[in-house]
Amino acid sequence: CYYFLSSGINAEWPLRPGMKFLADHQIGSFDFQGKTLREKGLNRIGNLIVPNLNYSLFEEWCVKILDEMHTEQEEKGVIWSPSKMIKRMGDRINNEESVLYWAAKNNIPIFCPAIIDGAIGDVIFLQSYRREGFIMDLAQDIRLLNTSAMYAQKSGMLILGGGVIKHHIANANLMRNGADFSVYINTAQPFDGSDAGATPDEAVSWGKIRANSKEPVKIYCEATLIFPLLVAQTFAKHVFGRKKDAKKEGNENERVENVE
């Protein structure tokens, strides 16, 4: 099981619930004026307001982890990849609201090929002046991701959003002549030629989805709206159904023992 992120900006999002013990973000408005926010040291992400202080605290937290990783590189010869760095962050975050926490706990690798795009990249940049020589090896992750696709008996893509995340996982499936199952969820349209807007049929032409795959689907919708509904009617129903069956079987076995 793999979880994919598109960039360092998005890699921060699973961390942000863990950042709340440092400082809260606030709900604002899409219409807040950028100049006014800038003067107050506030940053807008859609209608979410993130004070500069939050990023300062985030930097302090990340620097400790980078120092720890750098020391292991120098003393033990560890060469880090984005997925290894994110695993270490998940090990250290100690907050059950974070996706990184649960991925680390269950040994699910998170691939982030554009990890230096965003606050994490800013921290790595600044840290490089404080302490030179830290190595981040992307080749480890592309090898792990692509070989995982190549040797998989079956491969399915459930992609929320577009851009790097969409292309990266689809391209890994090209190494096995295409994914067997595919679902895209984003709001992008195909008319502009963007990767985000590309339809599953376009991926078939590249060999990223198998020509005989079972009904690849693209849902034109905001992912955070539709994804919970999909999970509720698929994965969750399966998991809770198994638990219900196990409980029923346990009750029946208990009744048999009581009769005996």
Protein backbone atom coordinates (compact mmCIF):
# COMPACT_ATOMS: atom_id res chain seq x y z
CA CYS A 1 0.00 0.00 0.00
CA TYR A 2 1.45 3.38 -0.99
CA TYR A 3 0.50 6.95 -0.27
CA PHE A 4 1.64 9.68 -2.64
CA LEU A 5 2.21 13.41 -2.26
CA SER A 6 2.91 15.84 -5.04
CA SER A 7 5.24 18.36 -3.46
CA GLY A 8 6.86 19.69 -0.33
CA ILE A 9 3.92 22.09 -0.02
CA ASN A 10 1.52 19.18 0.18
CA ALA A 11 3.87 17.21 2.40
CA GLU A 12 3.37 19.92 4.99
CA TRP A 13 -0.39 19.33 5.06
CA PRO A 14 -0.27 15.94 6.82
CA LEU A 15 2.14 17.57 9.27
CA ARG A 16 -0.08 20.56 9.96
CA PRO A 17 -2.40 18.76 12.38
CA GLY A 18 0.75 17.95 14.33
CA MET A 19 1.76 21.62 14.11
CA LYS A 20 -1.38 22.63 16.02
CA PHE A 21 0.32 21.83 19.30
CA LEU A 22 2.70 24.65 18.31
CA ALA A 23 0.13 27.15 17.03
CA ASP A 24 -3.29 27.14 15.36
CA HIS A 25 -4.18 28.06 11.81
CA GLN A 26 -7.34 30.11 11.26
CA ILE A 27 -10.27 30.06 8.88
CA GLY A 28 -10.47 33.27 6.85
CA SER A 29 -11.87 34.20 3.46
CA PHE A 30 -10.87 33.75 -0.17
CA ASP A 31 -11.43 37.50 -0.51
CA PHE A 32 -8.93 38.72 2.11
CA GLN A 33 -6.53 41.23 0.51
CA GLY A 34 -2.99 39.98 0.08
CA LYS A 35 -1.36 43.31 0.90
CA THR A 36 -3.18 43.62 4.22
CA LEU A 37 -2.35 40.04 5.18
CA ARG A 38 1.30 40.57 4.25
CA GLU A 39 1.54 43.59 6.50
CA LYS A 40 0.19 41.51 9.41
CA GLY A 41 2.51 38.55 8.82
CA LEU A 42 -0.31 36.29 7.64
CA ASN A 43 -0.31 33.88 4.70
CA ARG A 44 -3.45 32.76 2.85
CA ILE A 45 -4.01 29.26 1.46
CA GLY A 46 -7.45 29.51 -0.12
CA ASN A 47 -9.51 30.55 2.89
CA LEU A 48 -7.01 29.21 5.44
CA ILE A 49 -4.80 31.74 7.24
CA VAL A 50 -1.35 30.65 8.43
CA PRO A 51 0.65 33.12 10.57
CA ASN A 52 4.38 33.45 9.94
CA LEU A 53 4.91 32.29 13.53
CA ASN A 54 3.59 28.84 12.63
CA TYR A 55 6.26 28.42 9.98
CA SER A 56 8.95 29.62 12.37
CA LEU A 57 7.89 26.94 14.84
CA PHE A 58 7.72 24.40 12.02
CA GLU A 59 11.27 25.31 11.01
CA GLU A 60 12.53 24.78 14.56
CA TRP A 61 10.89 21.35 14.62
CA CYS A 62 12.28 20.37 11.22
CA VAL A 63 15.82 21.60 11.96
CA LYS A 64 16.09 19.20 14.91
CA ILE A 65 15.13 16.30 12.63
CA LEU A 66 17.51 17.43 9.87
CA ASP A 67 20.37 17.68 12.38
CA GLU A 68 19.56 14.19 13.60
CA MET A 69 19.50 12.84 10.03
CA HIS A 70 22.70 14.67 9.08
CA THR A 71 24.51 13.19 12.07
CA GLU A 72 23.40 9.68 11.06
CA GLN A 73 24.65 10.38 7.54
CA GLU A 74 28.09 11.38 8.84
CA GLU A 75 28.44 8.73 11.55
CA LYS A 76 26.59 5.75 10.05
CA GLY A 77 26.73 6.46 6.30
CA VAL A 78 22.94 6.74 5.98
CA ILE A 79 21.90 8.33 2.67
CA TRP A 80 18.41 9.77 2.96
CA SER A 81 15.60 9.79 0.41
CA PRO A 82 12.37 11.84 0.58
CA SER A 83 10.39 8.79 1.73
CA LYS A 84 12.93 8.05 4.48
CA MET A 85 12.82 11.68 5.63
CA ILE A 86 9.01 11.67 5.72
CA LYS A 87 9.09 8.38 7.66
CA ARG A 88 11.38 10.01 10.25
CA MET A 89 8.99 12.97 10.49
CA GLY A 90 6.10 10.58 11.04
CA ASP A 91 8.07 8.80 13.77
CA ARG A 92 8.69 12.11 15.54
CA ILE A 93 5.36 13.91 15.11
CA ASN A 94 3.52 12.05 17.90
CA ASN A 95 0.07 13.21 16.83
CA GLU A 96 -2.68 10.80 15.76
CA GLU A 97 -4.36 13.44 13.57
CA SER A 98 -1.44 13.33 11.14
CA VAL A 99 -1.36 11.11 8.05
CA LEU A 100 2.43 10.92 8.45
CA TYR A 101 2.02 9.51 11.95
CA TRP A 102 -0.15 6.61 10.77
CA ALA A 103 1.91 5.96 7.63
CA ALA A 104 5.06 5.66 9.75
CA LYS A 105 3.30 3.50 12.34
CA ASN A 106 2.17 1.07 9.61
CA ASN A 107 5.36 1.26 7.52
CA ILE A 108 3.59 2.75 4.51
CA PRO A 109 6.09 4.73 2.41
CA ILE A 110 5.13 8.21 1.31
CA PHE A 111 6.81 9.29 -1.92
CA CYS A 112 7.35 13.00 -2.46
CA PRO A 113 9.52 13.65 -5.54
CA ALA A 114 9.14 17.44 -5.22
CA ILE A 115 9.82 17.59 -1.48
CA ILE A 116 11.94 20.73 -1.75
CA ASP A 117 8.98 22.74 -3.13
CA GLY A 118 7.59 24.55 -0.10
CA ALA A 119 8.38 25.00 3.59
CA ILE A 120 10.35 21.76 3.87
CA GLY A 121 12.55 22.91 0.99
CA ASP A 122 12.96 26.30 2.66
CA VAL A 123 14.18 24.61 5.83
CA ILE A 124 16.60 22.40 3.90
CA PHE A 125 17.91 25.48 2.06
CA LEU A 126 18.50 27.50 5.24
CA GLN A 127 19.95 24.51 7.06
CA SER A 128 22.48 24.03 4.24
CA TYR A 129 24.13 27.31 5.31
CA ARG A 130 24.18 26.35 8.97
CA ARG A 131 25.55 22.87 8.27
CA GLU A 132 26.72 21.89 4.79
CA GLY A 133 26.81 18.44 3.22
CA PHE A 134 23.35 16.94 3.76
CA ILE A 135 22.46 14.54 0.93
CA MET A 136 18.95 13.80 -0.35
CA ASP A 137 18.90 10.95 -2.89
CA LEU A 138 15.82 10.87 -5.13
CA ALA A 139 17.10 7.85 -7.08
CA GLN A 140 16.30 5.56 -4.13
CA ASP A 141 12.62 6.46 -4.27
CA ILE A 142 12.15 6.21 -8.03
CA ARG A 143 13.79 2.79 -7.94
CA LEU A 144 11.58 1.62 -5.06
CA LEU A 145 8.40 3.00 -6.61
CA ASN A 146 9.00 1.71 -10.14
CA THR A 147 10.16 -1.76 -9.09
CA SER A 148 7.13 -2.03 -6.77
CA ALA A 149 4.89 -1.41 -9.78
CA MET A 150 6.86 -3.79 -12.01
CA TYR A 151 6.58 -6.73 -9.61
CA ALA A 152 3.01 -6.14 -8.46
CA GLN A 153 0.55 -8.88 -9.44
CA LYS A 154 -2.12 -6.21 -9.79
CA SER A 155 -1.78 -2.44 -9.71
CA GLY A 156 -4.44 0.16 -9.02
CA MET A 157 -4.26 3.95 -9.09
CA LEU A 158 -6.53 6.13 -6.95
CA ILE A 159 -5.29 9.65 -7.65
CA LEU A 160 -6.56 12.74 -5.86
CA GLY A 161 -5.46 15.89 -7.68
CA GLY A 162 -3.03 16.25 -10.56
CA GLY A 163 0.38 17.47 -11.62
CA VAL A 164 3.41 15.70 -10.17
CA ILE A 165 1.38 13.28 -8.07
CA LYS A 166 -0.69 12.09 -11.03
CA HIS A 167 2.15 11.77 -13.48
CA HIS A 168 4.57 10.15 -11.03
CA ILE A 169 2.37 7.20 -10.14
CA ALA A 170 1.05 6.79 -13.68
CA ASN A 171 4.61 6.77 -15.03
CA ALA A 172 5.57 4.05 -12.53
CA ASN A 173 2.78 1.92 -13.97
CA LEU A 174 4.19 2.44 -17.44
CA MET A 175 7.05 0.16 -16.27
CA ARG A 176 4.56 -2.71 -16.05
CA ASN A 177 2.65 -1.87 -19.24
CA GLY A 178 -0.11 -0.08 -17.34
CA ALA A 179 -2.26 -0.14 -14.23
CA ASP A 180 -5.10 -2.65 -13.97
CA PHE A 181 -7.49 -0.28 -12.18
CA SER A 182 -7.59 3.52 -12.25
CA VAL A 183 -9.66 6.29 -10.70
CA TYR A 184 -8.80 9.98 -11.11
CA ILE A 185 -10.45 12.66 -8.97
CA ASN A 186 -9.77 16.31 -9.75
CA THR A 187 -11.38 19.42 -11.23
CA ALA A 188 -9.00 19.87 -14.20
CA GLN A 189 -10.26 19.83 -17.79
CA PRO A 190 -8.48 18.27 -20.79
CA PHE A 191 -8.71 21.27 -23.15
CA ASP A 192 -5.50 22.95 -21.93
CA GLY A 193 -3.29 19.90 -22.44
CA SER A 194 -2.28 19.71 -18.78
CA ASP A 195 -1.36 16.44 -17.11
CA ALA A 196 -3.97 17.11 -14.43
CA GLY A 197 -6.68 17.43 -17.06
CA ALA A 198 -5.65 14.35 -19.03
CA THR A 199 -8.26 11.60 -19.22
CA PRO A 200 -7.61 7.92 -18.45
CA ASP A 201 -7.79 7.19 -22.19
CA GLU A 202 -4.78 9.43 -22.75
CA ALA A 203 -2.86 7.31 -20.22
CA VAL A 204 -3.84 4.19 -22.19
CA SER A 205 -2.02 5.62 -25.21
CA TRP A 206 1.19 5.80 -23.15
CA GLY A 207 0.84 2.36 -21.64
CA LYS A 208 0.24 3.83 -18.17
CA ILE A 209 -3.19 2.20 -18.00
CA ARG A 210 -3.69 -1.18 -19.65
CA ALA A 211 -5.79 -1.20 -22.79
CA ASN A 212 -7.88 -4.05 -21.35
CA SER A 213 -8.16 -2.50 -17.87
CA LYS A 214 -11.58 -2.56 -16.24
CA GLU A 215 -13.41 0.73 -16.81
CA PRO A 216 -10.89 3.41 -15.78
CA VAL A 217 -12.77 6.43 -14.43
CA LYS A 218 -12.22 10.15 -14.03
CA ILE A 219 -14.47 12.03 -11.61
CA TYR A 220 -14.62 15.79 -12.18
CA CYS A 221 -15.04 16.93 -8.60
CA GLU A 222 -13.28 18.54 -5.65
CA ALA A 223 -11.41 15.60 -4.11
CA THR A 224 -11.97 16.35 -0.41
CA LEU A 225 -15.71 16.42 -1.06
CA ILE A 226 -16.07 13.15 -2.94
CA PHE A 227 -13.26 11.00 -1.52
CA PRO A 228 -14.83 10.45 1.94
CA LEU A 229 -18.05 9.34 0.22
CA LEU A 230 -16.14 6.88 -1.97
CA VAL A 231 -14.31 5.47 1.03
CA ALA A 232 -17.56 5.11 2.98
CA GLN A 233 -19.15 3.09 0.18
CA THR A 234 -16.09 0.93 -0.68
CA PHE A 235 -13.12 0.39 1.65
CA ALA A 236 -14.92 1.27 4.87
CA LYS A 237 -17.92 -0.90 4.02
CA HIS A 238 -15.58 -3.83 3.34
CA VAL A 239 -13.57 -3.36 6.56
CA PHE A 240 -16.58 -2.88 8.83
CA GLY A 241 -18.38 -5.71 7.04
CA ARG A 242 -15.54 -8.08 7.91
CA LYS A 243 -15.56 -6.91 11.52
CA LYS A 244 -19.31 -7.45 11.70
CA ASP A 245 -18.99 -10.96 10.23
CA ALA A 246 -16.18 -11.81 12.65
CA LYS A 247 -18.24 -10.59 15.59
CA LYS A 248 -21.26 -12.60 14.41
CA GLU A 249 -19.11 -15.71 14.00
CA GLY A 250 -17.68 -15.18 17.49
CA ASN A 251 -21.16 -14.91 19.00
CA GLU A 252 -22.28 -18.10 17.23
CA ASN A 253 -19.24 -19.99 18.49
CA GLU A 254 -19.96 -18.76 22.01
CA ARG A 255 -23.56 -20.03 21.80
CA VAL A 256 -22.33 -23.44 20.60
CA GLU A 257 -19.91 -23.66 23.54
CA ASN A 258 -22.69 -22.76 25.96
CA VAL A 259 -24.95 -25.50 24.54
CA GLU A 260 -22.19 -28.08 24.85
